[in-house]
Amino acid sequence: MLSFFAPPSSSVPHRLSLGRLVNQSTVLLMVSIGSLILLLALLILFHQNANATKGYQLRTLERERSRLLLDEEVLKMQIAESQALKQLENDKIIQAMVLVSRTQYTNQETTVARTERGPTL
């Protein structure tokens, strides 16, 4: 009668190995999930770092563009100033020019340059 209630000796090691297998599977699952979370966190970190770097480069380029536009406006003002009528009137080369006393115009129909014809084939 005692043997009827006692579990067979072969089932005890089977239960222990099943419990150990469940514990190992749980640990393996937790390590896998932890590794996946760590990998995703690293990917997010690298992505955010790349976005921050692009933002910094964009701000630097915008500042350089603004500076170049300002330089362009300064150069345009200098060109306009140098082409102003007062500037041209005060130029020494222009003041050294001689006024023409007698202006002569041509009324010919022919051109000033002469065309030469080569031998025809």
Protein backbone atom coordinates (compact mmCIF):
# COMPACT_ATOMS: atom_id res chain seq x y z
CA MET A 1 0.00 0.00 0.00
CA LEU A 2 2.83 2.34 0.60
CA SER A 3 4.08 1.78 -2.86
CA PHE A 4 0.71 2.82 -4.25
CA PHE A 5 0.93 6.37 -2.82
CA ALA A 6 4.63 6.83 -3.33
CA PRO A 7 5.60 8.41 -6.60
CA PRO A 8 7.72 6.32 -8.84
CA SER A 9 11.41 7.06 -8.49
CA SER A 10 11.82 7.79 -12.22
CA SER A 11 9.34 10.72 -12.16
CA VAL A 12 11.22 12.79 -9.55
CA PRO A 13 14.33 13.47 -11.70
CA HIS A 14 12.03 14.25 -14.60
CA ARG A 15 10.23 16.91 -12.55
CA LEU A 16 13.48 18.42 -11.33
CA SER A 17 14.89 18.65 -14.84
CA LEU A 18 11.62 20.19 -16.08
CA GLY A 19 11.78 22.84 -13.33
CA ARG A 20 15.40 23.52 -14.16
CA LEU A 21 14.49 23.80 -17.86
CA VAL A 22 11.71 26.31 -17.06
CA ASN A 23 14.12 28.35 -14.92
CA GLN A 24 16.76 28.29 -17.65
CA SER A 25 14.19 29.30 -20.26
CA THR A 26 13.03 32.19 -18.08
CA VAL A 27 16.60 33.39 -17.58
CA LEU A 28 17.32 33.04 -21.29
CA LEU A 29 14.13 34.97 -22.13
CA MET A 30 15.03 37.77 -19.70
CA VAL A 31 18.58 38.01 -21.11
CA SER A 32 17.20 38.09 -24.66
CA ILE A 33 14.69 40.83 -23.81
CA GLY A 34 17.35 42.81 -21.94
CA SER A 35 19.75 42.52 -24.87
CA LEU A 36 17.05 43.63 -27.29
CA ILE A 37 16.21 46.65 -25.12
CA LEU A 38 19.88 47.56 -24.87
CA LEU A 39 20.31 47.23 -28.64
CA LEU A 40 17.27 49.43 -29.31
CA ALA A 41 18.50 52.02 -26.82
CA LEU A 42 21.88 52.15 -28.57
CA LEU A 43 20.21 52.52 -31.97
CA ILE A 44 18.09 55.39 -30.67
CA LEU A 45 21.17 57.01 -29.17
CA PHE A 46 23.10 56.83 -32.45
CA HIS A 47 20.09 58.13 -34.39
CA GLN A 48 19.64 61.10 -32.05
CA ASN A 49 23.37 61.83 -32.23
CA ALA A 50 23.22 61.88 -36.04
CA ASN A 51 20.20 64.23 -35.95
CA ALA A 52 21.94 66.57 -33.53
CA THR A 53 25.03 66.65 -35.73
CA LYS A 54 22.93 67.46 -38.80
CA GLY A 55 21.16 70.22 -36.88
CA TYR A 56 24.50 71.73 -35.85
CA GLN A 57 25.75 71.61 -39.44
CA LEU A 58 22.50 73.18 -40.66
CA ARG A 59 22.82 76.06 -38.18
CA THR A 60 26.44 76.59 -39.19
CA LEU A 61 25.49 76.70 -42.88
CA GLU A 62 22.63 79.11 -42.17
CA ARG A 63 25.01 81.46 -40.34
CA GLU A 64 27.50 81.27 -43.20
CA ARG A 65 24.72 81.98 -45.72
CA SER A 66 23.60 85.03 -43.75
CA ARG A 67 27.18 86.29 -43.59
CA LEU A 68 27.65 85.77 -47.34
CA LEU A 69 24.39 87.59 -48.10
CA LEU A 70 25.54 90.52 -45.97
CA ASP A 71 28.92 90.54 -47.78
CA GLU A 72 27.06 90.54 -51.10
CA GLU A 73 25.00 93.56 -50.06
CA VAL A 74 28.15 95.41 -48.97
CA LEU A 75 29.82 94.64 -52.30
CA LYS A 76 26.73 95.81 -54.22
CA MET A 77 26.80 99.09 -52.29
CA GLN A 78 30.50 99.52 -53.08
CA ILE A 79 29.85 98.85 -56.78
CA ALA A 80 26.99 101.36 -56.82
CA GLU A 81 29.18 103.91 -55.06
CA SER A 82 32.03 103.45 -57.53
CA GLN A 83 29.65 103.79 -60.47
CA ALA A 84 28.00 106.93 -59.09
CA LEU A 85 28.14 110.06 -61.27
CA LYS A 86 30.05 112.12 -58.71
CA GLN A 87 32.68 109.41 -58.45
CA LEU A 88 33.04 109.34 -62.23
CA GLU A 89 33.25 113.14 -62.43
CA ASN A 90 36.08 113.21 -59.89
CA ASP A 91 38.04 110.42 -61.61
CA LYS A 92 41.46 111.66 -62.83
CA ILE A 93 41.35 109.66 -66.05
CA ILE A 94 38.00 111.14 -67.01
CA GLN A 95 39.14 114.65 -66.10
CA ALA A 96 42.18 114.19 -68.36
CA MET A 97 39.96 113.61 -71.40
CA VAL A 98 39.85 116.40 -73.97
CA LEU A 99 36.61 117.85 -75.25
CA VAL A 100 36.04 117.45 -79.00
CA SER A 101 35.82 120.80 -80.76
CA ARG A 102 34.57 119.62 -84.17
CA THR A 103 32.53 116.46 -84.34
CA GLN A 104 32.39 114.70 -87.70
CA TYR A 105 29.88 112.04 -88.63
CA THR A 106 29.86 109.82 -91.73
CA ASN A 107 26.86 109.37 -93.97
CA GLN A 108 28.11 106.50 -96.09
CA GLU A 109 26.08 103.41 -96.81
CA THR A 110 29.12 101.13 -96.87
CA THR A 111 30.62 99.56 -93.84
CA VAL A 112 33.90 100.69 -92.42
CA ALA A 113 35.36 97.18 -92.44
CA ARG A 114 36.21 95.78 -95.78
CA THR A 115 35.29 92.24 -96.75
CA GLU A 116 37.62 90.25 -98.95
CA ARG A 117 36.34 87.43 -101.01
CA GLY A 118 38.44 84.37 -101.45
CA PRO A 119 38.56 82.29 -104.56
CA THR A 120 35.26 80.63 -105.35
CA LEU A 121 35.17 76.96 -106.05
